[in-house]
Every structure is written in structure tokens, then in C-alpha cells.
Amino acid sequence: MAQVKTHGDIMAAENAAKREEIVELLKRAYWMEIESVMSYIASLVNPDGVRAQEVKETLEADVQEELGHAQRFAARIKELYGVVPGSEQFSSEQSYLQPAADQVDIVHVIKGVIAAEKGAIEHYSRIVEETDGVDPVTNDMVIEILHDEQGHLRLFEGFLREYEATGLA
């Protein structure tokens, strides 16, 4: 009977330490998505003015996508024998996405989304590096989510360029 090679299997007992490291990275990604959902909801409800409409509509779609990312991260945490954290373990990091004092300041929202997307891209790129050749399932999933985040970043950078070109930023 052939012996099964398990050293490359992230689920194998001997890979528990690496699996736990990946779970911790996924937990941070999970919280980043949850916090973005909270901040994006505030950012799609609070702003006033005609100019805010397109950004608000985009954020409404992004909320659903970011929530889906959080759910995917949660499911993968569980699959890797981790425990999806509850709300008591949450601590906010996105100070740049807090509501603006002036509710017609849509540029504040745009810049906040750009900062959130850049943070996600940086963290998810790290997960891709850490899982490369070690955990292909997590690697593939995060690459797909990273693609979404890069698209969001590009879209909001376009919004910002438009506001800058018209002297509104």
C-alpha cells in the first residue's frame, strides 16, 4: 500500500502551526470586510447632494460584495479548523471612513474608500504570498477577492480624478 504524502496538505496535523497563521490572516481580512460594510453603509446613507448619487449607488453594490467577501473568509476560517470571531473581538481601524462633518463632502467618502481598498489589497496580497504553494484553496479564493478589490480601487480612483479635474477635490 502506498503511503500518502501529507506534508503539503494544509489540513494535515503537522501543518497546524501554518494553518493557524493563515487563520489569523483570514480573521483580519474578515474584520476588514465587516468594517468596510459598516462604513460603506454610513457612507451611502449620510452624504447629501446630487453629486453624491453615483458614489452612493456604487457603494450600495459594494456593500453586498464586501459582505460576500466576509462570508467567504468566515467559511474558510471554519474549514481550516478556526473559529469565526464574534463582535466582542472587533476593533475598528478605518478612521478614514468615518462620516464627514460636512455631509456634502463626497470627496471625503471617495478618499476613505480608496484608503480602505488599498489596505485590503495590501493585506490580501500578503495572504496570497503566505498561502502560495501551501494552501491552494485559500490562495485561489483570496486572489479572486483581490481582483474585486483592485476593481473597486480603480473605480474610486476614477471618481477622485473626476472631482480633481473639475476643481472639486
N, C-alpha and C. Protein backbone atom coordinates (compact mmCIF):
# COMPACT_ATOMS: atom_id res chain seq x y z
N MET A 1 0.84 -1.19 0.00
CA MET A 1 0.00 0.00 0.00
C MET A 1 0.88 1.25 0.00
N ALA A 2 0.59 2.17 -0.89
CA ALA A 2 1.37 3.41 -0.99
C ALA A 2 1.09 4.33 0.19
N GLN A 3 2.14 4.94 0.67
CA GLN A 3 1.99 5.87 1.78
C GLN A 3 1.55 7.23 1.24
N VAL A 4 0.57 7.83 1.88
CA VAL A 4 0.05 9.13 1.45
C VAL A 4 0.97 10.23 1.98
N LYS A 5 1.35 11.13 1.08
CA LYS A 5 2.18 12.26 1.45
C LYS A 5 1.28 13.37 1.99
N THR A 6 1.52 13.81 3.21
CA THR A 6 0.64 14.83 3.79
C THR A 6 1.36 16.15 4.09
N HIS A 7 2.68 16.23 3.90
CA HIS A 7 3.37 17.46 4.29
C HIS A 7 2.90 18.69 3.51
N GLY A 8 2.33 18.52 2.33
CA GLY A 8 1.84 19.64 1.55
C GLY A 8 0.37 19.92 1.78
N ASP A 9 -0.27 19.16 2.62
CA ASP A 9 -1.70 19.29 2.88
C ASP A 9 -1.92 20.23 4.07
N ILE A 10 -2.48 21.39 3.82
CA ILE A 10 -2.70 22.38 4.89
C ILE A 10 -3.58 21.83 6.00
N MET A 11 -4.40 20.82 5.69
CA MET A 11 -5.30 20.23 6.68
C MET A 11 -4.60 19.19 7.56
N ALA A 12 -3.39 18.77 7.18
CA ALA A 12 -2.67 17.75 7.94
C ALA A 12 -2.25 18.27 9.31
N ALA A 13 -2.23 17.37 10.28
CA ALA A 13 -1.90 17.72 11.66
C ALA A 13 -0.53 18.40 11.76
N GLU A 14 0.43 17.93 10.98
CA GLU A 14 1.78 18.52 11.07
C GLU A 14 1.85 19.94 10.52
N ASN A 15 0.80 20.40 9.87
CA ASN A 15 0.74 21.76 9.35
C ASN A 15 -0.13 22.68 10.19
N ALA A 16 -0.42 22.26 11.41
CA ALA A 16 -1.31 23.03 12.28
C ALA A 16 -0.80 24.45 12.52
N ALA A 17 0.49 24.62 12.73
CA ALA A 17 1.02 25.97 13.01
C ALA A 17 0.82 26.89 11.81
N LYS A 18 1.12 26.41 10.62
CA LYS A 18 0.94 27.23 9.42
C LYS A 18 -0.54 27.51 9.20
N ARG A 19 -1.38 26.51 9.44
CA ARG A 19 -2.83 26.67 9.29
C ARG A 19 -3.33 27.76 10.23
N GLU A 20 -2.87 27.74 11.49
CA GLU A 20 -3.28 28.75 12.47
C GLU A 20 -2.83 30.14 12.05
N GLU A 21 -1.63 30.23 11.46
CA GLU A 21 -1.13 31.52 10.96
C GLU A 21 -2.05 32.04 9.85
N ILE A 22 -2.45 31.16 8.95
CA ILE A 22 -3.34 31.54 7.86
C ILE A 22 -4.70 31.95 8.41
N VAL A 23 -5.20 31.23 9.40
CA VAL A 23 -6.49 31.56 10.02
C VAL A 23 -6.44 32.97 10.61
N GLU A 24 -5.34 33.33 11.25
CA GLU A 24 -5.23 34.68 11.84
C GLU A 24 -5.24 35.74 10.74
N LEU A 25 -4.58 35.48 9.62
CA LEU A 25 -4.62 36.42 8.50
C LEU A 25 -6.03 36.54 7.94
N LEU A 26 -6.74 35.41 7.87
CA LEU A 26 -8.12 35.41 7.38
C LEU A 26 -9.05 36.14 8.34
N LYS A 27 -8.81 36.02 9.64
CA LYS A 27 -9.63 36.74 10.62
C LYS A 27 -9.49 38.24 10.43
N ARG A 28 -8.28 38.71 10.19
CA ARG A 28 -8.08 40.15 9.96
C ARG A 28 -8.82 40.56 8.68
N ALA A 29 -8.72 39.74 7.64
CA ALA A 29 -9.42 40.03 6.38
C ALA A 29 -10.92 40.07 6.61
N TYR A 30 -11.43 39.14 7.40
CA TYR A 30 -12.85 39.09 7.74
C TYR A 30 -13.27 40.40 8.39
N TRP A 31 -12.51 40.85 9.40
CA TRP A 31 -12.86 42.08 10.10
C TRP A 31 -12.74 43.29 9.19
N MET A 32 -11.76 43.30 8.29
CA MET A 32 -11.63 44.41 7.35
C MET A 32 -12.89 44.53 6.49
N GLU A 33 -13.40 43.40 6.04
CA GLU A 33 -14.61 43.41 5.21
C GLU A 33 -15.83 43.85 6.03
N ILE A 34 -15.96 43.33 7.24
CA ILE A 34 -17.09 43.71 8.10
C ILE A 34 -17.05 45.21 8.39
N GLU A 35 -15.87 45.72 8.69
CA GLU A 35 -15.77 47.15 8.97
C GLU A 35 -16.08 47.98 7.72
N SER A 36 -15.63 47.51 6.56
CA SER A 36 -15.96 48.22 5.32
C SER A 36 -17.46 48.25 5.09
N VAL A 37 -18.13 47.13 5.37
CA VAL A 37 -19.59 47.09 5.22
C VAL A 37 -20.23 48.16 6.11
N MET A 38 -19.82 48.23 7.38
CA MET A 38 -20.38 49.23 8.29
C MET A 38 -20.12 50.65 7.78
N SER A 39 -18.88 50.90 7.38
CA SER A 39 -18.50 52.24 6.93
C SER A 39 -19.17 52.60 5.60
N TYR A 40 -19.28 51.63 4.70
CA TYR A 40 -19.92 51.89 3.41
C TYR A 40 -21.41 52.17 3.58
N ILE A 41 -22.05 51.48 4.51
CA ILE A 41 -23.47 51.77 4.77
C ILE A 41 -23.62 53.22 5.23
N ALA A 42 -22.79 53.64 6.17
CA ALA A 42 -22.85 55.03 6.63
C ALA A 42 -22.56 55.98 5.47
N SER A 43 -21.61 55.60 4.62
CA SER A 43 -21.21 56.47 3.51
C SER A 43 -22.22 56.49 2.37
N LEU A 44 -23.10 55.53 2.31
CA LEU A 44 -24.12 55.58 1.26
C LEU A 44 -25.42 56.20 1.76
N VAL A 45 -25.55 56.34 3.07
CA VAL A 45 -26.75 56.94 3.64
C VAL A 45 -26.52 58.42 3.98
N ASN A 46 -25.39 58.76 4.56
CA ASN A 46 -25.16 60.10 5.08
C ASN A 46 -24.96 61.21 4.06
N PRO A 47 -24.23 61.00 2.97
CA PRO A 47 -23.97 62.13 2.07
C PRO A 47 -25.22 62.71 1.43
N ASP A 48 -25.17 64.01 1.24
CA ASP A 48 -26.24 64.75 0.59
C ASP A 48 -25.75 65.32 -0.73
N GLY A 49 -26.69 65.62 -1.60
CA GLY A 49 -26.37 66.32 -2.83
C GLY A 49 -26.44 65.45 -4.07
N VAL A 50 -26.65 66.11 -5.18
CA VAL A 50 -26.77 65.45 -6.47
C VAL A 50 -25.47 64.74 -6.83
N ARG A 51 -24.34 65.38 -6.56
CA ARG A 51 -23.05 64.80 -6.92
C ARG A 51 -22.77 63.50 -6.16
N ALA A 52 -23.39 63.29 -5.05
CA ALA A 52 -23.13 62.10 -4.23
C ALA A 52 -23.83 60.85 -4.78
N GLN A 53 -24.83 61.03 -5.62
CA GLN A 53 -25.68 59.90 -6.03
C GLN A 53 -24.92 58.74 -6.65
N GLU A 54 -24.03 58.99 -7.61
CA GLU A 54 -23.32 57.90 -8.28
C GLU A 54 -22.42 57.15 -7.29
N VAL A 55 -21.76 57.88 -6.43
CA VAL A 55 -20.90 57.25 -5.42
C VAL A 55 -21.74 56.42 -4.47
N LYS A 56 -22.88 56.95 -4.05
CA LYS A 56 -23.77 56.22 -3.15
C LYS A 56 -24.29 54.94 -3.79
N GLU A 57 -24.66 55.01 -5.06
CA GLU A 57 -25.16 53.82 -5.76
C GLU A 57 -24.06 52.76 -5.90
N THR A 58 -22.85 53.21 -6.16
CA THR A 58 -21.72 52.28 -6.26
C THR A 58 -21.47 51.62 -4.91
N LEU A 59 -21.51 52.41 -3.85
CA LEU A 59 -21.30 51.86 -2.51
C LEU A 59 -22.38 50.86 -2.13
N GLU A 60 -23.59 51.10 -2.56
CA GLU A 60 -24.68 50.16 -2.26
C GLU A 60 -24.37 48.78 -2.83
N ALA A 61 -23.86 48.74 -4.06
CA ALA A 61 -23.47 47.46 -4.66
C ALA A 61 -22.25 46.89 -3.95
N ASP A 62 -21.31 47.76 -3.57
CA ASP A 62 -20.09 47.30 -2.89
C ASP A 62 -20.40 46.68 -1.54
N VAL A 63 -21.40 47.18 -0.83
CA VAL A 63 -21.77 46.61 0.47
C VAL A 63 -22.08 45.13 0.31
N GLN A 64 -22.85 44.79 -0.69
CA GLN A 64 -23.21 43.39 -0.90
C GLN A 64 -21.98 42.55 -1.25
N GLU A 65 -21.11 43.10 -2.08
CA GLU A 65 -19.91 42.38 -2.47
C GLU A 65 -18.96 42.18 -1.29
N GLU A 66 -18.78 43.24 -0.49
CA GLU A 66 -17.90 43.14 0.68
C GLU A 66 -18.47 42.17 1.72
N LEU A 67 -19.78 42.18 1.88
CA LEU A 67 -20.42 41.23 2.79
C LEU A 67 -20.18 39.80 2.30
N GLY A 68 -20.27 39.59 1.00
CA GLY A 68 -19.98 38.29 0.43
C GLY A 68 -18.54 37.87 0.68
N HIS A 69 -17.60 38.83 0.59
CA HIS A 69 -16.20 38.53 0.89
C HIS A 69 -16.06 38.09 2.35
N ALA A 70 -16.71 38.83 3.25
CA ALA A 70 -16.64 38.48 4.68
C ALA A 70 -17.16 37.07 4.91
N GLN A 71 -18.25 36.73 4.24
CA GLN A 71 -18.82 35.38 4.39
C GLN A 71 -17.87 34.31 3.86
N ARG A 72 -17.19 34.61 2.77
CA ARG A 72 -16.22 33.65 2.23
C ARG A 72 -15.03 33.49 3.16
N PHE A 73 -14.55 34.60 3.73
CA PHE A 73 -13.45 34.50 4.69
C PHE A 73 -13.89 33.69 5.91
N ALA A 74 -15.10 33.95 6.39
CA ALA A 74 -15.62 33.22 7.55
C ALA A 74 -15.69 31.72 7.27
N ALA A 75 -16.21 31.37 6.12
CA ALA A 75 -16.33 29.94 5.77
C ALA A 75 -14.95 29.29 5.71
N ARG A 76 -13.97 29.99 5.16
CA ARG A 76 -12.63 29.41 5.05
C ARG A 76 -11.97 29.29 6.42
N ILE A 77 -12.20 30.26 7.30
CA ILE A 77 -11.70 30.16 8.67
C ILE A 77 -12.20 28.87 9.30
N LYS A 78 -13.48 28.61 9.17
CA LYS A 78 -14.10 27.41 9.74
C LYS A 78 -13.52 26.15 9.11
N GLU A 79 -13.37 26.14 7.78
CA GLU A 79 -12.81 24.98 7.09
C GLU A 79 -11.40 24.65 7.56
N LEU A 80 -10.66 25.67 7.96
CA LEU A 80 -9.28 25.47 8.43
C LEU A 80 -9.22 25.23 9.93
N TYR A 81 -10.35 24.79 10.50
CA TYR A 81 -10.46 24.44 11.93
C TYR A 81 -10.38 25.65 12.85
N GLY A 82 -10.61 26.84 12.31
CA GLY A 82 -10.63 28.04 13.13
C GLY A 82 -12.03 28.33 13.61
N VAL A 83 -12.15 29.36 14.40
CA VAL A 83 -13.44 29.81 14.91
C VAL A 83 -13.65 31.24 14.42
N VAL A 84 -14.75 31.46 13.75
CA VAL A 84 -15.07 32.80 13.27
C VAL A 84 -15.35 33.67 14.50
N PRO A 85 -14.65 34.80 14.62
CA PRO A 85 -14.80 35.62 15.83
C PRO A 85 -16.15 36.32 15.91
N GLY A 86 -16.56 36.59 17.13
CA GLY A 86 -17.79 37.33 17.39
C GLY A 86 -17.49 38.81 17.58
N SER A 87 -18.53 39.59 17.72
CA SER A 87 -18.42 41.05 17.75
C SER A 87 -17.55 41.59 18.87
N GLU A 88 -17.43 40.87 19.99
CA GLU A 88 -16.60 41.36 21.08
C GLU A 88 -15.12 41.41 20.71
N GLN A 89 -14.75 40.70 19.67
CA GLN A 89 -13.34 40.69 19.24
C GLN A 89 -13.05 41.76 18.19
N PHE A 90 -14.05 42.53 17.83
CA PHE A 90 -13.87 43.56 16.80
C PHE A 90 -13.25 44.82 17.39
N SER A 91 -12.29 45.38 16.67
CA SER A 91 -11.80 46.73 16.99
C SER A 91 -11.59 47.46 15.66
N SER A 92 -12.12 48.66 15.59
CA SER A 92 -12.11 49.40 14.33
C SER A 92 -10.71 49.90 13.98
N GLU A 93 -10.48 50.01 12.67
CA GLU A 93 -9.21 50.51 12.15
C GLU A 93 -9.41 51.61 11.12
N GLN A 94 -10.61 51.74 10.57
CA GLN A 94 -10.85 52.62 9.43
C GLN A 94 -11.27 54.03 9.84
N SER A 95 -10.37 54.75 10.49
CA SER A 95 -10.69 56.11 10.90
C SER A 95 -10.97 57.01 9.69
N TYR A 96 -10.36 56.69 8.57
CA TYR A 96 -10.52 57.48 7.35
C TYR A 96 -11.89 57.33 6.71
N LEU A 97 -12.71 56.39 7.17
CA LEU A 97 -14.04 56.20 6.59
C LEU A 97 -15.16 56.64 7.53
N GLN A 98 -14.82 57.42 8.53
CA GLN A 98 -15.85 57.93 9.43
C GLN A 98 -16.61 59.04 8.71
N PRO A 99 -17.87 59.23 9.05
CA PRO A 99 -18.67 60.26 8.37
C PRO A 99 -18.03 61.64 8.44
N ALA A 100 -18.11 62.36 7.34
CA ALA A 100 -17.56 63.72 7.27
C ALA A 100 -18.43 64.69 8.06
N ALA A 101 -17.81 65.73 8.55
CA ALA A 101 -18.56 66.76 9.26
C ALA A 101 -19.56 67.44 8.32
N ASP A 102 -19.15 67.62 7.08
CA ASP A 102 -19.99 68.23 6.06
C ASP A 102 -20.56 67.12 5.18
N GLN A 103 -21.85 66.92 5.24
CA GLN A 103 -22.47 65.79 4.54
C GLN A 103 -22.50 65.92 3.03
N VAL A 104 -22.06 67.05 2.48
CA VAL A 104 -21.93 67.16 1.02
C VAL A 104 -20.49 66.90 0.58
N ASP A 105 -19.62 66.56 1.51
CA ASP A 105 -18.21 66.29 1.21
C ASP A 105 -18.05 64.85 0.71
N ILE A 106 -18.41 64.63 -0.54
CA ILE A 106 -18.33 63.29 -1.12
C ILE A 106 -16.88 62.90 -1.40
N VAL A 107 -16.00 63.88 -1.56
CA VAL A 107 -14.58 63.59 -1.78
C VAL A 107 -14.01 62.88 -0.55
N HIS A 108 -14.46 63.24 0.64
CA HIS A 108 -14.04 62.55 1.87
C HIS A 108 -14.38 61.07 1.79
N VAL A 109 -15.57 60.77 1.31
CA VAL A 109 -16.00 59.38 1.17
C VAL A 109 -15.13 58.66 0.13
N ILE A 110 -14.92 59.30 -0.99
CA ILE A 110 -14.12 58.69 -2.06
C ILE A 110 -12.72 58.37 -1.56
N LYS A 111 -12.09 59.32 -0.90
CA LYS A 111 -10.73 59.10 -0.38
C LYS A 111 -10.73 58.01 0.70
N GLY A 112 -11.78 57.94 1.50
CA GLY A 112 -11.87 56.89 2.51
C GLY A 112 -11.98 55.51 1.90
N VAL A 113 -12.78 55.40 0.85
CA VAL A 113 -12.92 54.11 0.15
C VAL A 113 -11.59 53.72 -0.48
N ILE A 114 -10.91 54.67 -1.08
CA ILE A 114 -9.59 54.39 -1.68
C ILE A 114 -8.64 53.85 -0.62
N ALA A 115 -8.62 54.48 0.55
CA ALA A 115 -7.74 54.02 1.64
C ALA A 115 -8.12 52.61 2.08
N ALA A 116 -9.42 52.34 2.20
CA ALA A 116 -9.88 51.01 2.61
C ALA A 116 -9.48 49.96 1.58
N GLU A 117 -9.66 50.27 0.31
CA GLU A 117 -9.32 49.31 -0.74
C GLU A 117 -7.82 49.07 -0.80
N LYS A 118 -7.03 50.11 -0.64
CA LYS A 118 -5.57 49.94 -0.63
C LYS A 118 -5.14 49.06 0.55
N GLY A 119 -5.75 49.27 1.70
CA GLY A 119 -5.44 48.44 2.86
C GLY A 119 -5.79 46.98 2.63
N ALA A 120 -6.96 46.75 2.03
CA ALA A 120 -7.37 45.38 1.72
C ALA A 120 -6.42 44.75 0.71
N ILE A 121 -6.06 45.48 -0.32
CA ILE A 121 -5.16 44.95 -1.34
C ILE A 121 -3.81 44.57 -0.72
N GLU A 122 -3.30 45.42 0.15
CA GLU A 122 -2.02 45.13 0.81
C GLU A 122 -2.13 43.85 1.66
N HIS A 123 -3.17 43.76 2.46
CA HIS A 123 -3.32 42.59 3.34
C HIS A 123 -3.59 41.32 2.53
N TYR A 124 -4.43 41.40 1.53
CA TYR A 124 -4.77 40.22 0.74
C TYR A 124 -3.58 39.76 -0.09
N SER A 125 -2.75 40.69 -0.53
CA SER A 125 -1.52 40.32 -1.23
C SER A 125 -0.61 39.53 -0.31
N ARG A 126 -0.57 39.91 0.95
CA ARG A 126 0.23 39.15 1.94
C ARG A 126 -0.33 37.74 2.11
N ILE A 127 -1.65 37.61 2.17
CA ILE A 127 -2.25 36.28 2.30
C ILE A 127 -1.90 35.43 1.08
N VAL A 128 -1.96 36.03 -0.10
CA VAL A 128 -1.60 35.30 -1.32
C VAL A 128 -0.17 34.79 -1.21
N GLU A 129 0.75 35.64 -0.77
CA GLU A 129 2.15 35.22 -0.61
C GLU A 129 2.28 34.10 0.42
N GLU A 130 1.60 34.24 1.55
CA GLU A 130 1.71 33.26 2.63
C GLU A 130 1.10 31.91 2.28
N THR A 131 0.13 31.90 1.39
CA THR A 131 -0.55 30.65 1.04
C THR A 131 -0.03 30.02 -0.24
N ASP A 132 0.82 30.74 -0.97
CA ASP A 132 1.35 30.23 -2.23
C ASP A 132 2.12 28.93 -2.00
N GLY A 133 1.68 27.88 -2.65
CA GLY A 133 2.34 26.59 -2.52
C GLY A 133 2.05 25.86 -1.23
N VAL A 134 1.24 26.46 -0.36
CA VAL A 134 0.95 25.88 0.95
C VAL A 134 -0.54 25.54 1.08
N ASP A 135 -1.37 26.45 0.64
CA ASP A 135 -2.83 26.31 0.77
C ASP A 135 -3.47 26.85 -0.50
N PRO A 136 -3.54 26.01 -1.53
CA PRO A 136 -4.05 26.48 -2.82
C PRO A 136 -5.52 26.93 -2.79
N VAL A 137 -6.32 26.36 -1.91
CA VAL A 137 -7.73 26.74 -1.84
C VAL A 137 -7.86 28.19 -1.34
N THR A 138 -7.20 28.49 -0.23
CA THR A 138 -7.22 29.86 0.29
C THR A 138 -6.57 30.80 -0.72
N ASN A 139 -5.48 30.38 -1.31
CA ASN A 139 -4.77 31.20 -2.28
C ASN A 139 -5.68 31.59 -3.43
N ASP A 140 -6.37 30.62 -4.02
CA ASP A 140 -7.28 30.91 -5.14
C ASP A 140 -8.41 31.84 -4.72
N MET A 141 -8.99 31.58 -3.55
CA MET A 141 -10.10 32.40 -3.07
C MET A 141 -9.65 33.85 -2.89
N VAL A 142 -8.50 34.04 -2.26
CA VAL A 142 -8.04 35.39 -1.96
C VAL A 142 -7.62 36.11 -3.24
N ILE A 143 -7.06 35.40 -4.20
CA ILE A 143 -6.73 36.02 -5.48
C ILE A 143 -8.01 36.55 -6.15
N GLU A 144 -9.07 35.78 -6.08
CA GLU A 144 -10.35 36.22 -6.66
C GLU A 144 -10.89 37.46 -5.94
N ILE A 145 -10.82 37.46 -4.62
CA ILE A 145 -11.29 38.62 -3.84
C ILE A 145 -10.38 39.82 -4.10
N LEU A 146 -9.08 39.58 -4.21
CA LEU A 146 -8.12 40.64 -4.50
C LEU A 146 -8.46 41.31 -5.83
N HIS A 147 -8.87 40.53 -6.80
CA HIS A 147 -9.28 41.07 -8.10
C HIS A 147 -10.45 42.04 -7.92
N ASP A 148 -11.44 41.64 -7.11
CA ASP A 148 -12.59 42.52 -6.85
C ASP A 148 -12.13 43.83 -6.22
N GLU A 149 -11.23 43.74 -5.23
CA GLU A 149 -10.79 44.94 -4.51
C GLU A 149 -10.01 45.87 -5.43
N GLN A 150 -9.21 45.30 -6.33
CA GLN A 150 -8.49 46.14 -7.29
C GLN A 150 -9.46 46.87 -8.21
N GLY A 151 -10.54 46.21 -8.60
CA GLY A 151 -11.57 46.86 -9.41
C GLY A 151 -12.24 48.00 -8.67
N HIS A 152 -12.53 47.78 -7.38
CA HIS A 152 -13.13 48.85 -6.56
C HIS A 152 -12.18 50.04 -6.47
N LEU A 153 -10.90 49.75 -6.21
CA LEU A 153 -9.91 50.82 -6.10
C LEU A 153 -9.88 51.64 -7.38
N ARG A 154 -9.80 50.97 -8.50
CA ARG A 154 -9.70 51.66 -9.79
C ARG A 154 -10.91 52.55 -10.04
N LEU A 155 -12.10 52.04 -9.70
CA LEU A 155 -13.32 52.81 -9.88
C LEU A 155 -13.31 54.08 -9.04
N PHE A 156 -12.93 53.97 -7.77
CA PHE A 156 -12.94 55.13 -6.89
C PHE A 156 -11.80 56.09 -7.20
N GLU A 157 -10.68 55.58 -7.71
CA GLU A 157 -9.63 56.48 -8.18
C GLU A 157 -10.15 57.31 -9.36
N GLY A 158 -10.97 56.69 -10.20
CA GLY A 158 -11.58 57.43 -11.31
C GLY A 158 -12.52 58.51 -10.81
N PHE A 159 -13.33 58.19 -9.79
CA PHE A 159 -14.20 59.21 -9.20
C PHE A 159 -13.36 60.39 -8.70
N LEU A 160 -12.27 60.08 -8.00
CA LEU A 160 -11.43 61.14 -7.44
C LEU A 160 -10.79 61.99 -8.55
N ARG A 161 -10.31 61.35 -9.59
CA ARG A 161 -9.72 62.10 -10.71
C ARG A 161 -10.74 63.06 -11.31
N GLU A 162 -11.98 62.60 -11.45
CA GLU A 162 -13.02 63.47 -12.00
C GLU A 162 -13.24 64.69 -11.10
N TYR A 163 -13.31 64.47 -9.80
CA TYR A 163 -13.50 65.58 -8.87
C TYR A 163 -12.30 66.53 -8.89
N GLU A 164 -11.09 65.97 -9.01
CA GLU A 164 -9.89 66.80 -9.09
C GLU A 164 -9.89 67.62 -10.39
N ALA A 165 -10.26 67.01 -11.49
CA ALA A 165 -10.28 67.69 -12.79
C ALA A 165 -11.26 68.85 -12.82
N THR A 166 -12.35 68.73 -12.07
CA THR A 166 -13.35 69.81 -12.04
C THR A 166 -13.12 70.78 -10.89
N GLY A 167 -12.02 70.59 -10.16
CA GLY A 167 -11.67 71.51 -9.07
C GLY A 167 -12.50 71.30 -7.81
N LEU A 168 -13.16 70.18 -7.69
CA LEU A 168 -14.00 69.92 -6.52
C LEU A 168 -13.27 69.11 -5.44
N ALA A 169 -12.02 68.73 -5.71
CA ALA A 169 -11.25 67.97 -4.72
C ALA A 169 -9.96 68.68 -4.39
